[in-house]
Amino acid sequence: MKLFGRPLPRFALPILALTALSVPSIQAQTLESELQTCVQYSDDSKRLACYDDVAGNLKQYSINRFGQEQKAVIEDAPESIRATISEAQKGAYGKYTFALDNGQIWRQVDSNRVIWKGGEQIELDRGMLGAFYMRKTSGGRSVKVKRVE
C-alpha cells in the first residue's frame, strides 16, 4: 500500500486499521442526522442523553471537518429555495435589492431589467461557481443575485 507515492512501513497498516475503528460514529453520520435521531425520542431523559452524546462529539466532529468546512456547508445546502418578496427597492444603476419573507436580503448583480414588487413568489437557484439566480415562480427571466444578509 502506498501513501503519497511512497510505500507504507509494515507497522502502518495495523495503526491505520485501529484509527479507522476508533473514529466516533458522528463521522459516519452528519450532525443534522444525529440531531434528527435525538428529536424522535419521546422520553425526555433519553432525548437529553442523546443530545449530550452529540454535544460531546462536537469537538471530534469539528476536527474531522477541519479544512472542509465550506465543502460541508455546500453539501448540506439545498439546490433551490422558494420565498416571497416582502420588499423590493430600486437602487443605484437600476439594480434592485430584495427583502424576502424568510429574512434574507438579496441584491441584483447583473444588468437585466426587472420589474418585481413585494408579494411576488420567487425561487432562488444555485448556479455554477457560486452564483445564484432569482426568478418568479410563475416563470420569466432570471436575475443574477448576491446575498447581502
Protein backbone atom coordinates (compact mmCIF):
# COMPACT_ATOMS: atom_id res chain seq x y z
CA MET A 1 0.00 0.00 0.00
CA LYS A 2 1.28 3.50 -0.86
CA LEU A 3 0.58 6.90 0.63
CA PHE A 4 1.55 9.95 -1.43
CA GLY A 5 3.53 7.73 -3.79
CA ARG A 6 5.66 6.21 -1.02
CA PRO A 7 5.30 2.69 0.34
CA LEU A 8 3.95 2.48 3.88
CA PRO A 9 6.06 0.77 6.55
CA ARG A 10 4.83 -2.63 7.75
CA PHE A 11 3.62 -1.27 11.09
CA ALA A 12 1.43 1.41 9.43
CA LEU A 13 -1.42 -0.89 8.30
CA PRO A 14 -2.41 -2.05 11.80
CA ILE A 15 -2.26 1.55 13.03
CA LEU A 16 -4.48 2.72 10.15
CA ALA A 17 -6.97 -0.06 10.90
CA LEU A 18 -7.12 0.83 14.61
CA THR A 19 -7.55 4.52 13.78
CA ALA A 20 -10.46 3.78 11.46
CA LEU A 21 -12.17 1.71 14.14
CA SER A 22 -11.72 4.33 16.85
CA VAL A 23 -13.29 7.25 14.94
CA PRO A 24 -16.61 8.22 16.59
CA SER A 25 -19.91 7.46 14.90
CA ILE A 26 -20.55 11.15 14.23
CA GLN A 27 -18.12 10.96 11.32
CA ALA A 28 -20.32 8.37 9.60
CA GLN A 29 -23.45 10.46 10.09
CA THR A 30 -23.95 14.15 9.59
CA LEU A 31 -24.59 16.34 12.59
CA GLU A 32 -28.08 17.08 11.29
CA SER A 33 -28.98 13.39 11.06
CA GLU A 34 -27.74 12.79 14.61
CA LEU A 35 -29.89 15.65 15.89
CA GLN A 36 -32.90 14.33 13.96
CA THR A 37 -32.40 10.99 15.71
CA CYS A 38 -32.48 12.74 19.10
CA VAL A 39 -35.71 14.57 18.25
CA GLN A 40 -37.53 11.27 17.71
CA TYR A 41 -37.21 10.16 21.36
CA SER A 42 -40.41 10.79 23.31
CA ASP A 43 -38.80 10.04 26.69
CA ASP A 44 -37.21 13.25 27.99
CA SER A 45 -34.26 11.52 29.65
CA LYS A 46 -33.40 9.51 26.52
CA ARG A 47 -33.69 12.62 24.34
CA LEU A 48 -31.45 14.62 26.69
CA ALA A 49 -28.90 11.78 26.83
CA CYS A 50 -28.86 11.70 23.03
CA TYR A 51 -28.25 15.47 22.83
CA ASP A 52 -25.49 15.13 25.43
CA ASP A 53 -23.79 12.46 23.29
CA VAL A 54 -23.98 14.66 20.21
CA ALA A 55 -22.61 17.64 22.15
CA GLY A 56 -19.77 15.51 23.48
CA ASN A 57 -18.80 14.56 19.93
CA LEU A 58 -18.84 18.13 18.55
CA LYS A 59 -15.13 18.68 19.12
CA GLN A 60 -14.25 15.46 17.29
CA TYR A 61 -16.74 16.37 14.56
CA SER A 62 -15.07 19.75 14.04
CA ILE A 63 -11.62 18.13 13.98
CA ASN A 64 -12.80 15.65 11.33
CA ARG A 65 -14.21 18.51 9.22
CA PHE A 66 -11.12 20.75 9.57
CA GLY A 67 -10.23 22.17 6.16
CA GLN A 68 -13.51 21.02 4.60
CA GLU A 69 -15.89 23.43 6.32
CA GLN A 70 -17.02 25.15 3.13
CA LYS A 71 -17.48 21.81 1.38
CA ALA A 72 -19.75 20.60 4.20
CA VAL A 73 -21.86 23.75 4.06
CA ILE A 74 -22.33 23.42 0.30
CA GLU A 75 -23.17 19.70 0.50
CA ASP A 76 -25.84 20.32 3.14
CA ALA A 77 -27.40 23.31 1.35
CA PRO A 78 -30.42 22.84 -0.94
CA GLU A 79 -30.15 23.48 -4.68
CA SER A 80 -33.01 25.99 -4.57
CA ILE A 81 -35.41 27.71 -2.18
CA ARG A 82 -38.78 29.42 -2.59
CA ALA A 83 -39.78 32.62 -0.85
CA THR A 84 -41.94 35.71 -1.19
CA ILE A 85 -40.58 39.19 -1.81
CA SER A 86 -41.64 41.36 1.11
CA GLU A 87 -39.99 44.49 -0.27
CA ALA A 88 -38.15 45.44 -3.48
CA GLN A 89 -36.12 48.65 -3.63
CA LYS A 90 -34.59 50.07 -6.79
CA GLY A 91 -31.04 51.21 -6.12
CA ALA A 92 -28.06 52.59 -7.98
CA TYR A 93 -27.81 51.85 -11.71
CA GLY A 94 -31.36 50.46 -11.69
CA LYS A 95 -30.40 47.35 -9.70
CA TYR A 96 -32.82 46.06 -7.09
CA THR A 97 -32.41 44.90 -3.50
CA PHE A 98 -34.95 42.30 -2.40
CA ALA A 99 -36.05 41.62 1.17
CA LEU A 100 -37.65 38.18 1.44
CA ASP A 101 -40.22 36.88 3.90
CA ASN A 102 -37.63 34.45 5.34
CA GLY A 103 -35.44 37.38 6.49
CA GLN A 104 -32.85 37.10 3.73
CA ILE A 105 -31.79 40.12 1.68
CA TRP A 106 -30.52 39.69 -1.89
CA ARG A 107 -29.09 42.28 -4.29
CA GLN A 108 -29.22 42.13 -8.08
CA VAL A 109 -25.71 41.98 -9.59
CA ASP A 110 -26.44 41.80 -13.32
CA SER A 111 -27.99 44.45 -15.55
CA ASN A 112 -31.15 42.58 -16.59
CA ARG A 113 -34.23 44.76 -16.44
CA VAL A 114 -36.76 43.55 -13.87
CA ILE A 115 -39.97 44.96 -12.51
CA TRP A 116 -40.65 42.99 -9.37
CA LYS A 117 -42.57 44.09 -6.32
CA GLY A 118 -43.50 42.90 -2.86
CA GLY A 119 -45.80 39.90 -2.60
CA GLU A 120 -44.40 38.04 -5.60
CA GLN A 121 -43.31 34.41 -5.22
CA ILE A 122 -39.72 33.75 -6.29
CA GLU A 123 -37.31 30.84 -6.49
CA LEU A 124 -33.58 31.15 -5.83
CA ASP A 125 -31.44 28.62 -7.69
CA ARG A 126 -27.80 27.72 -7.19
CA GLY A 127 -25.70 28.26 -10.33
CA MET A 128 -22.15 27.43 -11.33
CA LEU A 129 -19.09 28.77 -9.48
CA GLY A 130 -21.06 30.06 -6.50
CA ALA A 131 -23.58 32.11 -8.50
CA PHE A 132 -27.25 32.44 -7.52
CA TYR A 133 -30.22 33.26 -9.73
CA MET A 134 -33.64 34.58 -8.77
CA ARG A 135 -36.77 34.15 -10.88
CA LYS A 136 -40.50 34.37 -10.39
CA THR A 137 -42.15 31.02 -9.75
CA SER A 138 -44.64 31.92 -12.48
CA GLY A 139 -41.77 31.95 -15.00
CA GLY A 140 -39.83 34.52 -16.93
CA ARG A 141 -36.22 35.54 -16.99
CA SER A 142 -33.88 35.03 -14.09
CA VAL A 143 -31.69 37.64 -12.47
CA LYS A 144 -28.23 37.03 -11.04
CA VAL A 145 -28.22 37.98 -7.36
CA LYS A 146 -25.89 38.02 -4.35
CA ARG A 147 -26.95 37.52 -0.76
CA VAL A 148 -26.39 40.59 1.40
CA GLU A 149 -27.89 39.31 4.68
